[in-house]
Amino acid sequence: MKLTFVGAAHEVTGSCHFLQVAGKNVLVDCGMEQGPDLYTNQEIPVNAAMIDYVFVTHAHIDHSGLLPLLYNHGFRGKIYCTLATNELCNIMLKDSAHIQMFEAEWRNRKAKRAGKPEVVPLYDMNDAMSVLSHFVPCDYQKKIKVCDGLEIRFVDAGHLLGSSSIEMWVRDDDGTEVKLAFSGDIGPGNRPLIKDPEYIKDADYVIMESTYGDRKHNTPPDFAIALAKVIKETLYERGGNLVVPAFSVGRTQEMLYFIREIKEKHLLPEYEDFDVYLDSPLAIEATKVFTMNMRDCFDKEAMELVNAGINPLVFPGLHISTTSDDSKMINFIEKPKVIISASGMCDAGRIRHHLKHNLWRPECTILFVGYQANGTLGRSLIEGEKNVKLFGEPIEVHAHIESLHGVSGHADMNGLLSWIGAFVSPIERVFVVHGEDTVTEEFAHTVEEKFGYSAWA
């Protein structure tokens, strides 16, 4: 057995691990890097056509986004994931292909005028559609025999609809039996809609994330009350717009859940008829997937609403913007409003148009509700940047820049330690990945000190 860390080693994005075992070539995740490329990902050690299986922990693009490129390079094997991950990848990979093609077309218009060579998209819609036919959707908690000497099981990681940790039982050519556990991205627990992460009890080798391995989340506030306060200050008191950059899958649905609660519980009596514009075609499609997977993936509180005939993601005043014309019209509506749009780190998508129209206005608020990677526009705004450039135009930042602290899809240091601490049998080695440069080292040291395991980063 040989394990190679191809991506997300000392970085948070681009997750990809290559495993040679039982005479097969296996990938765990095949993600795209997002934000600046701090460390060049290692090439997969074999030709894509020689990859037999890919196991996907969840649908976020930094874990699944290079699957169409893998197909383009010759991959024709099987891709195993949970049912909900399969459905989310069905929309997210096609959306990613659309972005690749659109950006290549845009760059080529500029390149042609400048006499520069043609830009070829990383992959196209045909690659995305074709690779989707190789997916094998699986149930949680079901042990699956992939081939002789290789079995897997998906366990709910509580990070995103359909997210999983993966247990893997392998028997090498010499008959040695080994169990590996890949954490995937571990959720913090006590999140709206989805279930808390499930723990794994035993493994010989553990490969685990460390996104927030160096810090503790503040005690989570009542998010609906905290959000209502920002809405009141922005819309009612200042007459501005509240712009929420949000990941289309996961964070957007949580925001809809909180806003429904604000309206249902009359937490904003001064301004109960405020309008909310969901401006992200991907988020709209993802919300449909959430609705279709309620029975299998929603937590107890969300299911109580469903069983009472209440859709937890719908409320009065919600407007869906599907077309680009719908999106453009939002900024011509004078009534103060909430705008939820993607991408969550502000590096692409319709959110950049809304920032252009609202960043310069002191009465408006830009509210961040998710992780902002180094080098992204979102991170720059949070760190106090006062001048940015959007679509080639300089914009002075006068809007209020705020964060809804505690809203995170990742466990903090204590949550990660609880996850690794749940193992009851000795672990031979812990490999720490998926964290910013020094964070992986710090967390590996913490694991060694607290549990006595050999931990490498």
Protein backbone atom coordinates (compact mmCIF):
# COMPACT_ATOMS: atom_id res chain seq x y z
CA MET A 1 0.00 0.00 0.00
CA LYS A 2 1.26 3.47 -0.90
CA LEU A 3 -0.42 6.77 -0.05
CA THR A 4 0.54 10.02 -1.83
CA PHE A 5 -0.78 13.44 -0.87
CA VAL A 6 -1.42 15.18 -4.19
CA GLY A 7 -3.41 18.21 -3.01
CA ALA A 8 -4.48 20.13 0.12
CA ALA A 9 -1.13 19.46 1.80
CA HIS A 10 -0.45 22.65 3.80
CA GLU A 11 -3.38 24.25 1.94
CA VAL A 12 -7.13 24.37 2.50
CA THR A 13 -8.28 23.70 -1.07
CA GLY A 14 -7.55 21.26 -3.89
CA SER A 15 -8.06 18.10 -1.85
CA CYS A 16 -6.72 14.96 -3.55
CA HIS A 17 -5.07 11.80 -2.18
CA PHE A 18 -3.70 8.97 -4.31
CA LEU A 19 -3.69 5.41 -2.99
CA GLN A 20 -2.17 2.32 -4.58
CA VAL A 21 -3.67 -0.74 -2.93
CA ALA A 22 -4.95 -4.21 -3.81
CA GLY A 23 -3.46 -3.78 -7.27
CA LYS A 24 -5.68 -0.74 -7.92
CA ASN A 25 -5.11 3.00 -8.31
CA VAL A 26 -7.51 5.02 -6.17
CA LEU A 27 -8.16 8.72 -5.59
CA VAL A 28 -9.89 10.11 -2.53
CA ASP A 29 -11.31 13.43 -3.78
CA CYS A 30 -10.20 15.27 -6.89
CA GLY A 31 -10.62 18.91 -6.00
CA MET A 32 -9.86 22.23 -7.62
CA GLU A 33 -7.68 24.79 -5.89
CA GLN A 34 -9.46 28.03 -5.02
CA GLY A 35 -7.81 31.33 -4.22
CA PRO A 36 -4.05 31.70 -4.75
CA ASP A 37 -1.99 28.62 -5.55
CA LEU A 38 0.39 28.73 -2.58
CA TYR A 39 1.83 25.30 -3.27
CA THR A 40 1.73 23.66 -6.67
CA ASN A 41 -0.23 20.43 -6.41
CA GLN A 42 1.79 17.35 -7.21
CA GLU A 43 0.84 15.56 -10.41
CA ILE A 44 -1.14 12.35 -9.96
CA PRO A 45 1.61 9.72 -10.23
CA VAL A 46 -0.13 7.71 -12.95
CA ASN A 47 -1.98 8.48 -16.16
CA ALA A 48 -5.66 9.34 -15.56
CA ALA A 49 -6.67 6.33 -17.66
CA MET A 50 -5.02 4.09 -15.05
CA ILE A 51 -7.18 5.38 -12.15
CA ASP A 52 -9.66 2.65 -11.24
CA TYR A 53 -11.78 4.38 -8.59
CA VAL A 54 -12.43 7.78 -7.07
CA PHE A 55 -14.08 8.15 -3.65
CA VAL A 56 -15.58 11.63 -3.12
CA THR A 57 -16.15 12.91 0.41
CA HIS A 58 -18.51 15.73 -0.63
CA ALA A 59 -19.57 17.93 -3.52
CA HIS A 60 -17.72 21.18 -2.83
CA ILE A 61 -15.59 22.12 -5.84
CA ASP A 62 -12.36 22.03 -3.83
CA HIS A 63 -13.05 18.29 -3.38
CA SER A 64 -14.75 17.39 -6.68
CA GLY A 65 -13.99 20.14 -9.19
CA LEU A 66 -11.27 18.39 -11.23
CA LEU A 67 -13.27 15.24 -11.94
CA PRO A 68 -14.23 16.50 -15.44
CA LEU A 69 -10.56 17.22 -16.15
CA LEU A 70 -9.71 13.70 -14.98
CA TYR A 71 -12.23 12.39 -17.52
CA ASN A 72 -10.77 14.66 -20.21
CA HIS A 73 -7.38 13.06 -19.53
CA GLY A 74 -8.68 9.53 -19.97
CA PHE A 75 -10.32 8.41 -16.70
CA ARG A 76 -13.10 5.86 -17.26
CA GLY A 77 -13.36 4.23 -13.82
CA LYS A 78 -16.06 4.46 -11.13
CA ILE A 79 -16.73 7.36 -8.76
CA TYR A 80 -18.27 6.43 -5.41
CA CYS A 81 -20.07 8.96 -3.19
CA THR A 82 -23.29 9.39 -1.21
CA LEU A 83 -26.66 9.87 -2.89
CA ALA A 84 -26.89 13.58 -2.05
CA THR A 85 -23.28 14.20 -3.14
CA ASN A 86 -24.11 12.59 -6.47
CA GLU A 87 -27.08 14.93 -6.94
CA LEU A 88 -25.12 18.02 -5.92
CA CYS A 89 -22.19 17.13 -8.18
CA ASN A 90 -24.70 16.80 -11.02
CA ILE A 91 -25.36 20.54 -10.82
CA MET A 92 -22.02 21.79 -9.45
CA LEU A 93 -19.73 20.17 -12.03
CA LYS A 94 -21.90 21.42 -14.89
CA ASP A 95 -21.86 24.88 -13.34
CA SER A 96 -18.07 24.70 -13.01
CA ALA A 97 -17.76 23.71 -16.68
CA HIS A 98 -19.92 26.66 -17.65
CA ILE A 99 -17.61 28.98 -15.69
CA GLN A 100 -14.50 27.49 -17.32
CA MET A 101 -15.96 27.97 -20.79
CA PHE A 102 -17.27 31.47 -20.08
CA GLU A 103 -13.96 32.67 -18.64
CA ALA A 104 -12.01 31.19 -21.56
CA GLU A 105 -14.33 32.96 -24.01
CA TRP A 106 -13.92 36.25 -22.13
CA ARG A 107 -10.12 35.92 -22.01
CA ASN A 108 -10.00 35.02 -25.68
CA ARG A 109 -11.82 38.20 -26.67
CA LYS A 110 -9.10 40.18 -24.90
CA ALA A 111 -6.31 37.89 -26.15
CA LYS A 112 -7.41 38.23 -29.77
CA ARG A 113 -7.27 42.02 -29.58
CA ALA A 114 -3.82 41.80 -28.01
CA GLY A 115 -2.54 39.20 -30.48
CA LYS A 116 -2.05 36.62 -27.72
CA PRO A 117 -2.55 32.82 -28.09
CA GLU A 118 -5.97 31.25 -27.54
CA VAL A 119 -6.96 30.28 -23.99
CA VAL A 120 -8.36 26.75 -23.74
CA PRO A 121 -10.85 26.05 -20.90
CA LEU A 122 -9.70 23.64 -18.24
CA TYR A 123 -12.62 21.42 -19.28
CA ASP A 124 -15.95 21.82 -21.02
CA MET A 125 -19.59 20.78 -20.59
CA ASN A 126 -19.04 17.52 -22.45
CA ASP A 127 -16.37 16.51 -19.92
CA ALA A 128 -18.68 17.35 -17.01
CA MET A 129 -21.66 15.51 -18.48
CA SER A 130 -19.54 12.49 -19.37
CA VAL A 131 -17.87 12.08 -15.99
CA LEU A 132 -21.26 12.23 -14.24
CA SER A 133 -22.18 8.94 -15.94
CA HIS A 134 -19.39 7.26 -13.94
CA PHE A 135 -20.86 8.09 -10.53
CA VAL A 136 -22.00 5.28 -8.21
CA PRO A 137 -24.32 6.74 -5.52
CA CYS A 138 -24.18 4.94 -2.15
CA ASP A 139 -26.14 4.92 1.11
CA TYR A 140 -24.62 6.03 4.38
CA GLN A 141 -23.46 3.30 6.77
CA LYS A 142 -23.49 0.58 4.13
CA LYS A 143 -20.26 -1.39 3.74
CA ILE A 144 -19.51 -1.66 0.02
CA LYS A 145 -17.18 -4.14 -1.63
CA VAL A 146 -15.48 -2.16 -4.37
CA CYS A 147 -13.25 -5.04 -5.50
CA ASP A 148 -11.30 -7.90 -3.96
CA GLY A 149 -9.26 -6.48 -1.11
CA LEU A 150 -11.04 -3.10 -0.97
CA GLU A 151 -14.20 -2.15 0.94
CA ILE A 152 -15.52 1.27 1.91
CA ARG A 153 -18.25 2.83 4.04
CA PHE A 154 -19.55 6.42 4.04
CA VAL A 155 -20.24 8.04 7.42
CA ASP A 156 -22.01 11.40 7.82
CA ALA A 157 -19.41 14.15 8.37
CA GLY A 158 -21.97 16.89 9.17
CA HIS A 159 -20.26 19.43 6.88
CA LEU A 160 -22.65 19.65 3.91
CA LEU A 161 -25.68 17.82 2.60
CA GLY A 162 -24.30 14.38 1.65
CA SER A 163 -20.84 15.01 3.13
CA SER A 164 -18.97 12.01 4.47
CA SER A 165 -15.97 10.60 6.18
CA ILE A 166 -14.81 7.41 4.49
CA GLU A 167 -13.80 4.20 6.21
CA MET A 168 -11.63 2.02 3.98
CA TRP A 169 -10.64 -1.62 4.57
CA VAL A 170 -7.79 -2.78 2.36
CA ARG A 171 -5.94 -6.07 1.89
CA ASP A 172 -2.62 -5.72 0.17
CA ASP A 173 -0.98 -8.21 -2.17
CA ASP A 174 0.93 -9.76 0.74
CA GLY A 175 -2.36 -10.42 2.60
CA THR A 176 -1.88 -7.60 5.12
CA GLU A 177 -5.20 -6.08 6.24
CA VAL A 178 -5.25 -2.39 7.10
CA LYS A 179 -8.02 0.10 7.86
CA LEU A 180 -7.82 3.74 6.86
CA ALA A 181 -10.14 6.60 7.79
CA PHE A 182 -10.41 9.77 5.69
CA SER A 183 -12.16 12.51 7.65
CA GLY A 184 -13.28 14.61 4.69
CA ASP A 185 -14.39 18.02 5.97
CA ILE A 186 -15.77 17.67 9.50
CA GLY A 187 -18.76 19.77 10.48
CA PRO A 188 -19.02 21.67 13.77
CA GLY A 189 -22.27 20.03 14.88
CA ASN A 190 -25.43 21.86 15.92
CA ARG A 191 -25.92 23.30 12.44
CA PRO A 192 -29.30 24.00 10.89
CA LEU A 193 -30.79 21.45 8.50
CA ILE A 194 -28.09 18.74 8.47
CA LYS A 195 -27.11 16.15 11.06
CA ASP A 196 -24.11 16.31 13.40
CA PRO A 197 -20.92 14.47 12.38
CA GLU A 198 -20.75 10.79 13.20
CA TYR A 199 -17.61 9.42 14.81
CA ILE A 200 -15.46 6.52 13.65
CA LYS A 201 -14.20 4.16 16.34
CA ASP A 202 -11.14 2.46 14.86
CA ALA A 203 -8.51 2.72 12.13
CA ASP A 204 -4.83 2.02 11.64
CA TYR A 205 -4.19 5.21 9.68
CA VAL A 206 -6.19 8.44 9.80
CA ILE A 207 -6.09 11.23 7.22
CA MET A 208 -7.84 14.26 8.69
CA GLU A 209 -8.54 17.89 7.91
CA SER A 210 -7.30 20.82 10.00
CA THR A 211 -8.97 23.93 8.53
CA TYR A 212 -9.56 25.48 11.96
CA GLY A 213 -7.01 23.36 13.80
CA ASP A 214 -5.42 26.39 15.44
CA ARG A 215 -8.47 28.20 16.75
CA LYS A 216 -11.73 27.88 18.63
CA HIS A 217 -15.03 29.23 17.40
CA ASN A 218 -16.73 31.73 19.67
CA THR A 219 -19.75 30.38 21.48
CA PRO A 220 -22.33 30.30 18.67
CA PRO A 221 -24.88 33.07 19.04
CA ASP A 222 -28.52 32.67 18.22
CA PHE A 223 -27.87 33.15 14.51
CA ALA A 224 -31.40 34.27 13.68
CA ILE A 225 -31.22 37.03 16.32
CA ALA A 226 -27.73 38.09 15.19
CA LEU A 227 -28.82 38.21 11.55
CA ALA A 228 -32.01 40.10 12.42
CA LYS A 229 -29.86 42.75 14.15
CA VAL A 230 -27.76 43.30 11.00
CA ILE A 231 -30.89 43.41 8.81
CA LYS A 232 -32.51 45.98 11.13
CA GLU A 233 -29.42 48.22 11.22
CA THR A 234 -28.89 48.08 7.46
CA LEU A 235 -32.37 48.05 5.91
CA TYR A 236 -34.53 49.76 8.55
CA GLU A 237 -32.17 52.24 10.23
CA ARG A 238 -29.82 53.21 7.37
CA GLY A 239 -31.99 52.40 4.34
CA GLY A 240 -29.26 50.37 2.68
CA ASN A 241 -28.94 46.93 1.13
CA LEU A 242 -27.55 43.91 2.93
CA VAL A 243 -25.34 41.93 0.54
CA VAL A 244 -24.47 38.40 1.64
CA PRO A 245 -21.75 36.59 -0.33
CA ALA A 246 -22.60 32.94 0.28
CA PHE A 247 -21.50 29.59 -1.07
CA SER A 248 -24.29 28.33 -3.30
CA VAL A 249 -24.39 24.93 -1.64
CA GLY A 250 -24.76 24.78 2.13
CA ARG A 251 -24.34 28.33 3.39
CA THR A 252 -27.07 29.81 1.20
CA GLN A 253 -29.59 27.25 2.46
CA GLU A 254 -28.61 28.03 6.07
CA MET A 255 -29.22 31.74 5.46
CA LEU A 256 -32.67 30.95 4.05
CA TYR A 257 -33.36 28.83 7.14
CA PHE A 258 -32.40 31.70 9.49
CA ILE A 259 -34.41 34.30 7.56
CA ARG A 260 -37.48 32.06 7.60
CA GLU A 261 -37.04 31.85 11.39
CA ILE A 262 -36.74 35.66 11.66
CA LYS A 263 -40.03 36.10 9.83
CA GLU A 264 -41.85 33.24 11.55
CA LYS A 265 -40.85 34.40 15.06
CA HIS A 266 -41.39 38.10 14.30
CA LEU A 267 -37.82 38.97 15.30
CA LEU A 268 -37.94 42.13 13.17
CA PRO A 269 -41.37 43.64 13.95
CA GLU A 270 -40.33 47.07 12.60
CA TYR A 271 -39.72 45.71 9.11
CA GLU A 272 -41.38 42.33 8.68
CA ASP A 273 -42.09 42.69 4.96
CA PHE A 274 -38.43 42.97 3.90
CA ASP A 275 -37.55 41.32 0.60
CA VAL A 276 -34.82 38.75 0.00
CA TYR A 277 -33.32 38.14 -3.45
CA LEU A 278 -31.61 34.81 -4.04
CA ASP A 279 -29.39 35.58 -7.02
CA SER A 280 -27.50 32.42 -7.90
CA PRO A 281 -28.74 29.84 -10.41
CA LEU A 282 -26.56 27.20 -8.75
CA ALA A 283 -27.94 28.01 -5.30
CA ILE A 284 -31.48 27.74 -6.65
CA GLU A 285 -30.76 24.27 -8.07
CA ALA A 286 -28.93 23.24 -4.90
CA THR A 287 -31.90 24.28 -2.77
CA LYS A 288 -34.04 21.89 -4.82
CA VAL A 289 -31.56 19.09 -4.05
CA PHE A 290 -31.78 19.92 -0.34
CA THR A 291 -35.55 19.66 -0.57
CA MET A 292 -35.37 16.27 -2.33
CA ASN A 293 -33.04 14.86 0.36
CA MET A 294 -34.92 16.02 3.44
CA ARG A 295 -35.83 12.54 4.65
CA ASP A 296 -32.31 11.12 4.46
CA CYS A 297 -30.16 14.08 5.49
CA PHE A 298 -32.09 16.62 7.59
CA ASP A 299 -31.69 16.74 11.37
CA LYS A 300 -34.43 16.29 13.95
CA GLU A 301 -35.38 19.99 14.20
CA ALA A 302 -35.64 20.43 10.44
CA MET A 303 -37.69 17.24 10.10
CA GLU A 304 -40.13 18.49 12.73
CA LEU A 305 -40.82 21.45 10.44
CA VAL A 306 -41.14 19.20 7.39
CA ASN A 307 -43.54 16.87 9.19
CA ALA A 308 -45.62 19.89 10.17
CA GLY A 309 -45.95 20.81 6.49
CA ILE A 310 -43.41 23.66 6.63
CA ASN A 311 -40.64 23.99 4.05
CA PRO A 312 -37.71 25.31 6.14
CA LEU A 313 -36.21 27.08 3.11
CA VAL A 314 -39.20 29.12 1.92
CA PHE A 315 -40.83 32.27 3.33
CA PRO A 316 -42.87 35.33 2.25
CA GLY A 317 -40.78 37.94 0.45
CA LEU A 318 -38.32 35.48 -1.11
CA HIS A 319 -37.57 36.30 -4.76
CA ILE A 320 -35.67 33.97 -7.06
CA SER A 321 -33.43 35.55 -9.72
CA THR A 322 -32.69 33.03 -12.43
CA THR A 323 -31.70 34.97 -15.53
CA SER A 324 -28.99 37.60 -15.92
CA ASP A 325 -31.73 40.16 -16.61
CA ASP A 326 -33.37 39.24 -13.27
CA SER A 327 -30.01 39.75 -11.60
CA LYS A 328 -29.39 43.15 -13.17
CA MET A 329 -32.86 44.41 -12.19
CA ILE A 330 -32.16 43.84 -8.48
CA ASN A 331 -29.86 46.86 -8.37
CA PHE A 332 -32.58 49.10 -9.86
CA ILE A 333 -35.03 48.29 -7.04
CA GLU A 334 -34.95 51.23 -4.62
CA LYS A 335 -36.51 49.45 -1.63
CA PRO A 336 -33.84 48.26 0.85
CA LYS A 337 -33.35 44.51 0.54
CA VAL A 338 -31.26 41.48 1.33
CA ILE A 339 -29.24 40.06 -1.59
CA ILE A 340 -27.76 36.57 -1.28
CA SER A 341 -25.41 35.70 -4.11
CA ALA A 342 -22.32 33.65 -5.00
CA SER A 343 -19.45 33.08 -4.94
CA GLY A 344 -18.88 33.01 -1.21
CA MET A 345 -15.30 34.36 -1.43
CA CYS A 346 -16.28 37.06 -4.00
CA ASP A 347 -13.79 35.89 -6.62
CA ALA A 348 -16.38 35.09 -9.29
CA GLY A 349 -20.08 35.04 -10.01
CA ARG A 350 -22.92 37.53 -9.73
CA ILE A 351 -21.83 38.69 -6.26
CA ARG A 352 -19.16 40.84 -7.90
CA HIS A 353 -21.83 42.90 -9.69
CA HIS A 354 -23.67 43.44 -6.40
CA LEU A 355 -20.43 44.48 -4.72
CA LYS A 356 -19.79 46.98 -7.51
CA HIS A 357 -23.22 48.54 -6.89
CA ASN A 358 -23.09 48.51 -3.08
CA LEU A 359 -19.49 48.61 -1.76
CA TRP A 360 -19.22 52.39 -2.26
CA ARG A 361 -22.45 53.12 -0.38
CA PRO A 362 -22.00 53.85 3.37
CA GLU A 363 -25.58 52.84 4.17
CA CYS A 364 -25.04 49.28 2.89
CA THR A 365 -23.55 46.24 4.60
CA ILE A 366 -21.53 43.36 3.18
CA LEU A 367 -22.03 40.42 5.54
CA PHE A 368 -19.61 37.49 5.31
CA VAL A 369 -20.91 34.16 6.55
CA GLY A 370 -18.16 31.73 5.56
CA TYR A 371 -14.46 31.05 5.36
CA GLN A 372 -12.42 33.47 3.23
CA ALA A 373 -9.19 32.00 1.86
CA ASN A 374 -5.96 33.96 1.68
CA GLY A 375 -5.69 36.04 -1.48
CA THR A 376 -9.44 36.27 -2.17
CA LEU A 377 -11.42 39.50 -2.46
CA GLY A 378 -13.51 38.40 0.51
CA ARG A 379 -10.42 38.05 2.71
CA SER A 380 -9.16 41.48 1.58
CA LEU A 381 -12.46 43.14 2.52
CA ILE A 382 -12.57 41.46 5.92
CA GLU A 383 -9.00 42.61 6.59
CA GLY A 384 -9.97 46.23 5.92
CA GLU A 385 -9.07 46.91 2.28
CA LYS A 386 -10.50 50.31 1.33
CA ASN A 387 -9.89 50.27 -2.42
CA VAL A 388 -10.72 47.36 -4.71
CA LYS A 389 -11.07 46.85 -8.44
CA LEU A 390 -14.14 45.23 -9.99
CA PHE A 391 -14.49 44.75 -13.75
CA GLY A 392 -11.47 47.02 -14.23
CA GLU A 393 -13.10 49.86 -12.27
CA PRO A 394 -11.64 51.11 -8.96
CA ILE A 395 -14.19 51.07 -6.11
CA GLU A 396 -13.79 52.83 -2.77
CA VAL A 397 -15.12 50.75 0.12
CA HIS A 398 -17.52 52.76 2.27
CA ALA A 399 -20.04 49.99 3.10
CA HIS A 400 -20.02 48.33 6.51
CA ILE A 401 -18.03 45.08 6.36
CA GLU A 402 -19.23 42.54 8.90
CA SER A 403 -18.99 38.83 9.63
CA LEU A 404 -21.56 36.58 11.26
CA HIS A 405 -19.13 34.83 13.58
CA GLY A 406 -19.75 31.23 14.47
CA VAL A 407 -21.40 30.38 11.15
CA SER A 408 -18.93 27.81 9.89
CA GLY A 409 -19.15 24.52 8.07
CA HIS A 410 -15.92 23.33 9.67
CA ALA A 411 -15.28 22.09 13.19
CA ASP A 412 -12.90 24.21 15.25
CA MET A 413 -9.89 22.82 17.12
CA ASN A 414 -12.07 21.36 19.87
CA GLY A 415 -14.40 19.75 17.33
CA LEU A 416 -11.47 18.21 15.46
CA LEU A 417 -9.99 16.91 18.69
CA SER A 418 -13.35 15.40 19.63
CA TRP A 419 -13.43 13.63 16.26
CA ILE A 420 -9.95 12.12 16.56
CA GLY A 421 -10.51 11.49 20.26
CA ALA A 422 -13.48 9.24 19.49
CA PHE A 423 -11.19 6.47 18.19
CA VAL A 424 -11.07 3.74 20.82
CA SER A 425 -8.31 1.58 19.32
CA PRO A 426 -4.70 2.79 18.92
CA ILE A 427 -3.88 4.63 15.70
CA GLU A 428 -0.51 3.96 14.08
CA ARG A 429 -0.30 7.35 12.40
CA VAL A 430 -2.37 10.48 11.82
CA PHE A 431 -1.75 12.48 8.64
CA VAL A 432 -2.91 16.10 8.96
CA VAL A 433 -4.03 17.80 5.73
CA HIS A 434 -6.42 20.49 4.48
CA GLY A 435 -5.14 23.39 6.58
CA GLU A 436 -3.18 26.57 5.99
CA ASP A 437 0.58 26.18 6.08
CA THR A 438 1.52 26.38 9.77
CA VAL A 439 -1.91 25.25 10.97
CA THR A 440 -1.31 21.66 9.85
CA GLU A 441 1.97 21.58 11.79
CA GLU A 442 0.41 23.09 14.91
CA PHE A 443 -2.54 20.72 14.87
CA ALA A 444 -0.33 17.67 14.31
CA HIS A 445 1.69 18.71 17.35
CA THR A 446 -1.54 19.14 19.37
CA VAL A 447 -2.69 15.62 18.42
CA GLU A 448 0.66 14.16 19.46
CA GLU A 449 0.60 15.98 22.80
CA LYS A 450 -3.01 15.18 23.65
CA PHE A 451 -3.32 11.59 22.44
CA GLY A 452 0.24 10.32 22.01
CA TYR A 453 -0.37 9.39 18.35
CA SER A 454 2.35 9.83 15.76
CA ALA A 455 1.01 12.76 13.70
CA TRP A 456 2.56 14.12 10.49
CA ALA A 457 1.74 17.21 8.45
